[in-house]
Amino acid sequence: MKEVLPGVFTWAWPSPEKKLDFNGWYLKAADGHAIVDPPPCEESVFAAIEEMGELKAILLTNKDHTRRAEEFAERLRVPILIHSADAPLVSSSVRIGGLFRHGDELPGGLEAVRVADAKSPGECAFLLRRANAIIIGDALIGNPAGQLTMLPPAKFPDFDKAREGVRAILKLPFDGVLVGDGTPIPRGGRKALEEFLNRSAR
């Protein structure tokens, strides 16, 4: 794992299918640590996590980012949490241990922010005020490096509405955009988001 912002650690797993890195996030906080959207990892990542202190939960940004959450939850003995709107859509093989809603304060010092009109009804970003950053699942992709984009329009019920849902993220206080898929932008992410929205509006 590497620390990309104070108290914010990440590891990546290259997806042969998507040809993008899938990123897992580990957040240290005074009231307990959290993991977001864990993909596969090497044993060294588990060892680092186990050394960092009390882990409170595994948080999912959406129903499709379960990835290796069940394996992590079982090994680390923590619950998996997801937005209430996506919980009924998760595979039955994943045991959900708790629900959250828009605005809820979550382990790791995160705040849940529902992204409107996204690929799934409970798509969320997690605002991390102390690091001036957001963690985001399928609402944005970091590709190519240094830029942000969205999944193909066919992935959304209404692409134009989905783009406006992403635009609403700009109301939040952040600079870094820590994506689940692709290359994160720990600094300058807000500018990259503004540039994407300007390009896609033409």
C-alpha atoms as a PDB file:
ATOM      1  CA  MET A   1       0.000   0.000   0.000  1.00  0.00           C
ATOM      2  CA  LYS A   2       1.061   3.583  -0.517  1.00  0.00           C
ATOM      3  CA  GLU A   3      -0.065   6.763   1.237  1.00  0.00           C
ATOM      4  CA  VAL A   4      -1.366   9.278  -1.325  1.00  0.00           C
ATOM      5  CA  LEU A   5      -2.735  11.837   1.148  1.00  0.00           C
ATOM      6  CA  PRO A   6      -2.345  12.059   4.931  1.00  0.00           C
ATOM      7  CA  GLY A   7      -4.051   9.002   6.394  1.00  0.00           C
ATOM      8  CA  VAL A   8      -5.237   7.826   2.958  1.00  0.00           C
ATOM      9  CA  PHE A   9      -3.671   4.626   1.648  1.00  0.00           C
ATOM     10  CA  THR A  10      -4.317   2.717  -1.570  1.00  0.00           C
ATOM     11  CA  TRP A  11      -3.428  -0.428  -3.458  1.00  0.00           C
ATOM     12  CA  ALA A  12      -4.226  -1.336  -7.060  1.00  0.00           C
ATOM     13  CA  TRP A  13      -5.158  -4.531  -8.874  1.00  0.00           C
ATOM     14  CA  PRO A  14      -4.937  -4.490 -12.692  1.00  0.00           C
ATOM     15  CA  SER A  15      -8.159  -5.714 -14.283  1.00  0.00           C
ATOM     16  CA  PRO A  16      -7.404  -7.718 -17.458  1.00  0.00           C
ATOM     17  CA  GLU A  17     -11.021  -7.286 -18.580  1.00  0.00           C
ATOM     18  CA  LYS A  18     -11.333  -3.525 -18.076  1.00  0.00           C
ATOM     19  CA  LYS A  19      -7.657  -2.753 -18.760  1.00  0.00           C
ATOM     20  CA  LEU A  20      -7.742  -0.394 -15.791  1.00  0.00           C
ATOM     21  CA  ASP A  21      -6.498  -0.568 -12.241  1.00  0.00           C
ATOM     22  CA  PHE A  22      -9.115  -1.333  -9.615  1.00  0.00           C
ATOM     23  CA  ASN A  23      -8.209   0.662  -6.498  1.00  0.00           C
ATOM     24  CA  GLY A  24      -8.829  -0.176  -2.875  1.00  0.00           C
ATOM     25  CA  TRP A  25      -8.749   2.546  -0.221  1.00  0.00           C
ATOM     26  CA  TYR A  26      -7.762   2.429   3.428  1.00  0.00           C
ATOM     27  CA  LEU A  27      -8.681   5.423   5.630  1.00  0.00           C
ATOM     28  CA  LYS A  28      -7.155   6.040   9.038  1.00  0.00           C
ATOM     29  CA  ALA A  29      -9.267   7.973  11.542  1.00  0.00           C
ATOM     30  CA  ALA A  30      -9.197   8.630  15.256  1.00  0.00           C
ATOM     31  CA  ASP A  31     -12.499   6.809  15.803  1.00  0.00           C
ATOM     32  CA  GLY A  32     -11.539   3.740  13.736  1.00  0.00           C
ATOM     33  CA  HIS A  33     -10.328   2.924  10.261  1.00  0.00           C
ATOM     34  CA  ALA A  34     -12.254   1.896   7.138  1.00  0.00           C
ATOM     35  CA  ILE A  35     -11.684   0.206   3.786  1.00  0.00           C
ATOM     36  CA  VAL A  36     -13.494   1.222   0.587  1.00  0.00           C
ATOM     37  CA  ASP A  37     -14.193  -1.078  -2.392  1.00  0.00           C
ATOM     38  CA  PRO A  38     -11.401  -3.624  -1.801  1.00  0.00           C
ATOM     39  CA  PRO A  39     -10.137  -5.387  -4.953  1.00  0.00           C
ATOM     40  CA  PRO A  40      -7.803  -8.417  -4.772  1.00  0.00           C
ATOM     41  CA  CYS A  41      -4.492  -7.819  -3.055  1.00  0.00           C
ATOM     42  CA  GLU A  42      -1.216  -9.427  -2.154  1.00  0.00           C
ATOM     43  CA  GLU A  43      -0.651 -10.868   1.296  1.00  0.00           C
ATOM     44  CA  SER A  44       1.531  -7.872   2.128  1.00  0.00           C
ATOM     45  CA  VAL A  45      -1.538  -5.598   1.914  1.00  0.00           C
ATOM     46  CA  PHE A  46      -3.417  -7.725   4.434  1.00  0.00           C
ATOM     47  CA  ALA A  47      -0.365  -7.651   6.703  1.00  0.00           C
ATOM     48  CA  ALA A  48      -0.193  -3.842   6.501  1.00  0.00           C
ATOM     49  CA  ILE A  49      -3.906  -3.506   7.234  1.00  0.00           C
ATOM     50  CA  GLU A  50      -3.691  -5.787  10.242  1.00  0.00           C
ATOM     51  CA  GLU A  51      -0.852  -3.685  11.663  1.00  0.00           C
ATOM     52  CA  MET A  52      -2.634  -0.331  11.320  1.00  0.00           C
ATOM     53  CA  GLY A  53      -5.087  -0.639  14.175  1.00  0.00           C
ATOM     54  CA  GLU A  54      -8.799  -1.044  14.737  1.00  0.00           C
ATOM     55  CA  LEU A  55     -10.765  -1.453  11.522  1.00  0.00           C
ATOM     56  CA  LYS A  56     -14.464  -0.562  11.792  1.00  0.00           C
ATOM     57  CA  ALA A  57     -16.005  -1.386   8.411  1.00  0.00           C
ATOM     58  CA  ILE A  58     -15.739  -2.068   4.712  1.00  0.00           C
ATOM     59  CA  LEU A  59     -17.677   0.534   2.719  1.00  0.00           C
ATOM     60  CA  LEU A  60     -19.009   0.035  -0.793  1.00  0.00           C
ATOM     61  CA  THR A  61     -19.620   2.888  -3.224  1.00  0.00           C
ATOM     62  CA  ASN A  62     -22.157   0.824  -5.188  1.00  0.00           C
ATOM     63  CA  LYS A  63     -23.577  -2.653  -5.762  1.00  0.00           C
ATOM     64  CA  ASP A  64     -20.961  -3.563  -8.385  1.00  0.00           C
ATOM     65  CA  HIS A  65     -17.921  -2.752  -6.240  1.00  0.00           C
ATOM     66  CA  THR A  66     -18.281  -5.724  -3.905  1.00  0.00           C
ATOM     67  CA  ARG A  67     -15.097  -7.113  -5.496  1.00  0.00           C
ATOM     68  CA  ARG A  68     -13.313  -8.930  -2.630  1.00  0.00           C
ATOM     69  CA  ALA A  69     -15.364  -7.338   0.148  1.00  0.00           C
ATOM     70  CA  GLU A  70     -16.661 -10.656   1.458  1.00  0.00           C
ATOM     71  CA  GLU A  71     -13.143 -12.087   1.712  1.00  0.00           C
ATOM     72  CA  PHE A  72     -11.907  -8.966   3.520  1.00  0.00           C
ATOM     73  CA  ALA A  73     -14.897  -8.901   5.877  1.00  0.00           C
ATOM     74  CA  GLU A  74     -14.436 -12.516   6.866  1.00  0.00           C
ATOM     75  CA  ARG A  75     -10.708 -12.274   7.381  1.00  0.00           C
ATOM     76  CA  LEU A  76     -10.736  -8.924   9.187  1.00  0.00           C
ATOM     77  CA  ARG A  77     -14.015  -9.555  11.059  1.00  0.00           C
ATOM     78  CA  VAL A  78     -15.748  -6.317  10.154  1.00  0.00           C
ATOM     79  CA  PRO A  79     -19.156  -5.586   8.559  1.00  0.00           C
ATOM     80  CA  ILE A  80     -19.776  -4.548   4.959  1.00  0.00           C
ATOM     81  CA  LEU A  81     -21.813  -1.326   4.654  1.00  0.00           C
ATOM     82  CA  ILE A  82     -23.648  -0.041   1.572  1.00  0.00           C
ATOM     83  CA  HIS A  83     -26.250   2.595   0.692  1.00  0.00           C
ATOM     84  CA  SER A  84     -29.758   1.361   1.433  1.00  0.00           C
ATOM     85  CA  ALA A  85     -30.901   1.771  -2.186  1.00  0.00           C
ATOM     86  CA  ASP A  86     -28.195  -0.576  -3.524  1.00  0.00           C
ATOM     87  CA  ALA A  87     -28.401  -3.193  -0.774  1.00  0.00           C
ATOM     88  CA  PRO A  88     -31.254  -5.203  -2.390  1.00  0.00           C
ATOM     89  CA  LEU A  89     -29.257  -5.363  -5.647  1.00  0.00           C
ATOM     90  CA  VAL A  90     -26.087  -6.909  -4.207  1.00  0.00           C
ATOM     91  CA  SER A  91     -25.264 -10.535  -4.964  1.00  0.00           C
ATOM     92  CA  SER A  92     -26.622 -12.926  -2.351  1.00  0.00           C
ATOM     93  CA  SER A  93     -23.077 -14.220  -1.803  1.00  0.00           C
ATOM     94  CA  VAL A  94     -22.142 -10.919  -0.144  1.00  0.00           C
ATOM     95  CA  ARG A  95     -23.328 -10.519   3.440  1.00  0.00           C
ATOM     96  CA  ILE A  96     -24.266  -6.894   4.057  1.00  0.00           C
ATOM     97  CA  GLY A  97     -23.765  -5.923   7.690  1.00  0.00           C
ATOM     98  CA  GLY A  98     -25.239  -2.434   7.683  1.00  0.00           C
ATOM     99  CA  LEU A  99     -26.799   0.349   5.639  1.00  0.00           C
ATOM    100  CA  PHE A 100     -26.203   4.050   5.273  1.00  0.00           C
ATOM    101  CA  ARG A 101     -27.960   6.968   3.584  1.00  0.00           C
ATOM    102  CA  HIS A 102     -27.010  10.291   2.052  1.00  0.00           C
ATOM    103  CA  GLY A 103     -25.377  12.538   4.622  1.00  0.00           C
ATOM    104  CA  ASP A 104     -24.493   9.804   7.096  1.00  0.00           C
ATOM    105  CA  GLU A 105     -21.137   9.991   8.863  1.00  0.00           C
ATOM    106  CA  LEU A 106     -19.203   6.783   8.302  1.00  0.00           C
ATOM    107  CA  PRO A 107     -16.113   5.076   9.711  1.00  0.00           C
ATOM    108  CA  GLY A 108     -12.802   6.419   8.467  1.00  0.00           C
ATOM    109  CA  GLY A 109     -13.972  10.004   8.820  1.00  0.00           C
ATOM    110  CA  LEU A 110     -16.116   9.775   5.676  1.00  0.00           C
ATOM    111  CA  GLU A 111     -19.467  11.311   4.769  1.00  0.00           C
ATOM    112  CA  ALA A 112     -21.814   9.517   2.361  1.00  0.00           C
ATOM    113  CA  VAL A 113     -22.908  11.574  -0.648  1.00  0.00           C
ATOM    114  CA  ARG A 114     -25.422   9.942  -2.976  1.00  0.00           C
ATOM    115  CA  VAL A 115     -24.734  10.624  -6.670  1.00  0.00           C
ATOM    116  CA  ALA A 116     -28.084  11.229  -8.392  1.00  0.00           C
ATOM    117  CA  ASP A 117     -29.151   9.382 -11.560  1.00  0.00           C
ATOM    118  CA  ALA A 118     -26.074   7.159 -11.591  1.00  0.00           C
ATOM    119  CA  LYS A 119     -25.633   3.592 -12.824  1.00  0.00           C
ATOM    120  CA  SER A 120     -27.315   2.248  -9.710  1.00  0.00           C
ATOM    121  CA  PRO A 121     -29.751   3.986  -7.332  1.00  0.00           C
ATOM    122  CA  GLY A 122     -27.405   3.941  -4.348  1.00  0.00           C
ATOM    123  CA  GLU A 123     -24.194   5.095  -6.049  1.00  0.00           C
ATOM    124  CA  CYS A 124     -22.214   7.145  -3.540  1.00  0.00           C
ATOM    125  CA  ALA A 125     -19.142   9.270  -3.229  1.00  0.00           C
ATOM    126  CA  PHE A 126     -17.418   9.479   0.138  1.00  0.00           C
ATOM    127  CA  LEU A 127     -16.317  12.939   1.216  1.00  0.00           C
ATOM    128  CA  LEU A 128     -13.127  13.051   3.280  1.00  0.00           C
ATOM    129  CA  ARG A 129     -12.981  16.628   4.521  1.00  0.00           C
ATOM    130  CA  ARG A 130      -9.725  16.327   6.452  1.00  0.00           C
ATOM    131  CA  ALA A 131      -7.858  15.306   3.272  1.00  0.00           C
ATOM    132  CA  ASN A 132      -9.806  17.665   0.970  1.00  0.00           C
ATOM    133  CA  ALA A 133     -10.792  14.714  -1.217  1.00  0.00           C
ATOM    134  CA  ILE A 134     -13.607  12.469  -2.370  1.00  0.00           C
ATOM    135  CA  ILE A 135     -13.580   8.735  -3.023  1.00  0.00           C
ATOM    136  CA  ILE A 136     -15.830   7.749  -5.900  1.00  0.00           C
ATOM    137  CA  GLY A 137     -16.912   4.449  -7.456  1.00  0.00           C
ATOM    138  CA  ASP A 138     -18.553   4.153 -10.879  1.00  0.00           C
ATOM    139  CA  ALA A 139     -19.700   7.759 -11.291  1.00  0.00           C
ATOM    140  CA  LEU A 140     -16.235   8.742 -12.595  1.00  0.00           C
ATOM    141  CA  ILE A 141     -13.271   6.879 -14.092  1.00  0.00           C
ATOM    142  CA  GLY A 142      -9.644   8.023 -14.031  1.00  0.00           C
ATOM    143  CA  ASN A 143      -8.610   7.411 -17.644  1.00  0.00           C
ATOM    144  CA  PRO A 144      -6.228   8.435 -19.099  1.00  0.00           C
ATOM    145  CA  ALA A 145      -4.001   9.360 -16.166  1.00  0.00           C
ATOM    146  CA  GLY A 146      -4.666  12.901 -15.005  1.00  0.00           C
ATOM    147  CA  GLN A 147      -8.120  13.045 -16.585  1.00  0.00           C
ATOM    148  CA  LEU A 148     -11.618  12.028 -15.551  1.00  0.00           C
ATOM    149  CA  THR A 149     -14.399  10.579 -17.630  1.00  0.00           C
ATOM    150  CA  MET A 150     -17.589   8.542 -17.229  1.00  0.00           C
ATOM    151  CA  LEU A 151     -18.578   5.047 -18.223  1.00  0.00           C
ATOM    152  CA  PRO A 152     -20.173   4.655 -21.692  1.00  0.00           C
ATOM    153  CA  PRO A 153     -23.668   6.182 -21.991  1.00  0.00           C
ATOM    154  CA  ALA A 154     -25.250   2.729 -22.349  1.00  0.00           C
ATOM    155  CA  LYS A 155     -24.347   2.010 -18.727  1.00  0.00           C
ATOM    156  CA  PHE A 156     -26.748   4.702 -17.468  1.00  0.00           C
ATOM    157  CA  PRO A 157     -30.550   4.915 -17.594  1.00  0.00           C
ATOM    158  CA  ASP A 158     -30.113   8.525 -18.774  1.00  0.00           C
ATOM    159  CA  PHE A 159     -26.579   9.703 -19.522  1.00  0.00           C
ATOM    160  CA  ASP A 160     -27.400  13.434 -19.511  1.00  0.00           C
ATOM    161  CA  LYS A 161     -29.003  13.153 -16.081  1.00  0.00           C
ATOM    162  CA  ALA A 162     -26.057  11.083 -14.858  1.00  0.00           C
ATOM    163  CA  ARG A 163     -23.651  13.783 -16.008  1.00  0.00           C
ATOM    164  CA  GLU A 164     -25.660  16.388 -14.084  1.00  0.00           C
ATOM    165  CA  GLY A 165     -25.488  14.140 -11.048  1.00  0.00           C
ATOM    166  CA  VAL A 166     -21.720  14.212 -11.385  1.00  0.00           C
ATOM    167  CA  ARG A 167     -21.760  17.984 -11.861  1.00  0.00           C
ATOM    168  CA  ALA A 168     -23.501  18.318  -8.491  1.00  0.00           C
ATOM    169  CA  ILE A 169     -20.392  16.855  -6.870  1.00  0.00           C
ATOM    170  CA  LEU A 170     -18.703  20.211  -7.506  1.00  0.00           C
ATOM    171  CA  LYS A 171     -20.823  21.657  -4.696  1.00  0.00           C
ATOM    172  CA  LEU A 172     -18.676  19.655  -2.273  1.00  0.00           C
ATOM    173  CA  PRO A 173     -15.412  20.924  -0.769  1.00  0.00           C
ATOM    174  CA  PHE A 174     -12.641  18.799  -2.316  1.00  0.00           C
ATOM    175  CA  ASP A 175      -9.562  18.912  -4.496  1.00  0.00           C
ATOM    176  CA  GLY A 176      -8.516  15.252  -4.757  1.00  0.00           C
ATOM    177  CA  VAL A 177     -10.604  12.703  -6.680  1.00  0.00           C
ATOM    178  CA  LEU A 178      -9.783   9.154  -5.605  1.00  0.00           C
ATOM    179  CA  VAL A 179     -11.379   6.863  -8.154  1.00  0.00           C
ATOM    180  CA  GLY A 180     -12.170   3.184  -7.802  1.00  0.00           C
ATOM    181  CA  ASP A 181     -11.319   2.527 -11.461  1.00  0.00           C
ATOM    182  CA  GLY A 182      -8.314   4.008 -13.249  1.00  0.00           C
ATOM    183  CA  THR A 183      -5.766   6.517 -12.009  1.00  0.00           C
ATOM    184  CA  PRO A 184      -6.578   8.596  -8.912  1.00  0.00           C
ATOM    185  CA  ILE A 185      -5.926  12.348  -8.859  1.00  0.00           C
ATOM    186  CA  PRO A 186      -4.954  13.184  -5.251  1.00  0.00           C
ATOM    187  CA  ARG A 187      -4.317  16.826  -6.151  1.00  0.00           C
ATOM    188  CA  GLY A 188      -6.019  18.744  -8.932  1.00  0.00           C
ATOM    189  CA  GLY A 189      -9.018  16.436  -9.171  1.00  0.00           C
ATOM    190  CA  ARG A 190     -11.560  19.251  -8.993  1.00  0.00           C
ATOM    191  CA  LYS A 191      -9.948  20.939 -12.002  1.00  0.00           C
ATOM    192  CA  ALA A 192      -9.922  17.624 -13.877  1.00  0.00           C
ATOM    193  CA  LEU A 193     -13.639  17.181 -13.156  1.00  0.00           C
ATOM    194  CA  GLU A 194     -14.436  20.684 -14.373  1.00  0.00           C
ATOM    195  CA  GLU A 195     -12.451  20.040 -17.564  1.00  0.00           C
ATOM    196  CA  PHE A 196     -14.314  16.789 -18.199  1.00  0.00           C
ATOM    197  CA  LEU A 197     -17.700  18.444 -17.757  1.00  0.00           C
ATOM    198  CA  ASN A 198     -16.681  21.241 -20.136  1.00  0.00           C
ATOM    199  CA  ARG A 199     -15.517  18.718 -22.762  1.00  0.00           C
ATOM    200  CA  SER A 200     -18.602  16.534 -22.483  1.00  0.00           C
ATOM    201  CA  ALA A 201     -20.984  19.496 -22.787  1.00  0.00           C
ATOM    202  CA  ARG A 202     -19.718  20.445 -26.261  1.00  0.00           C
END
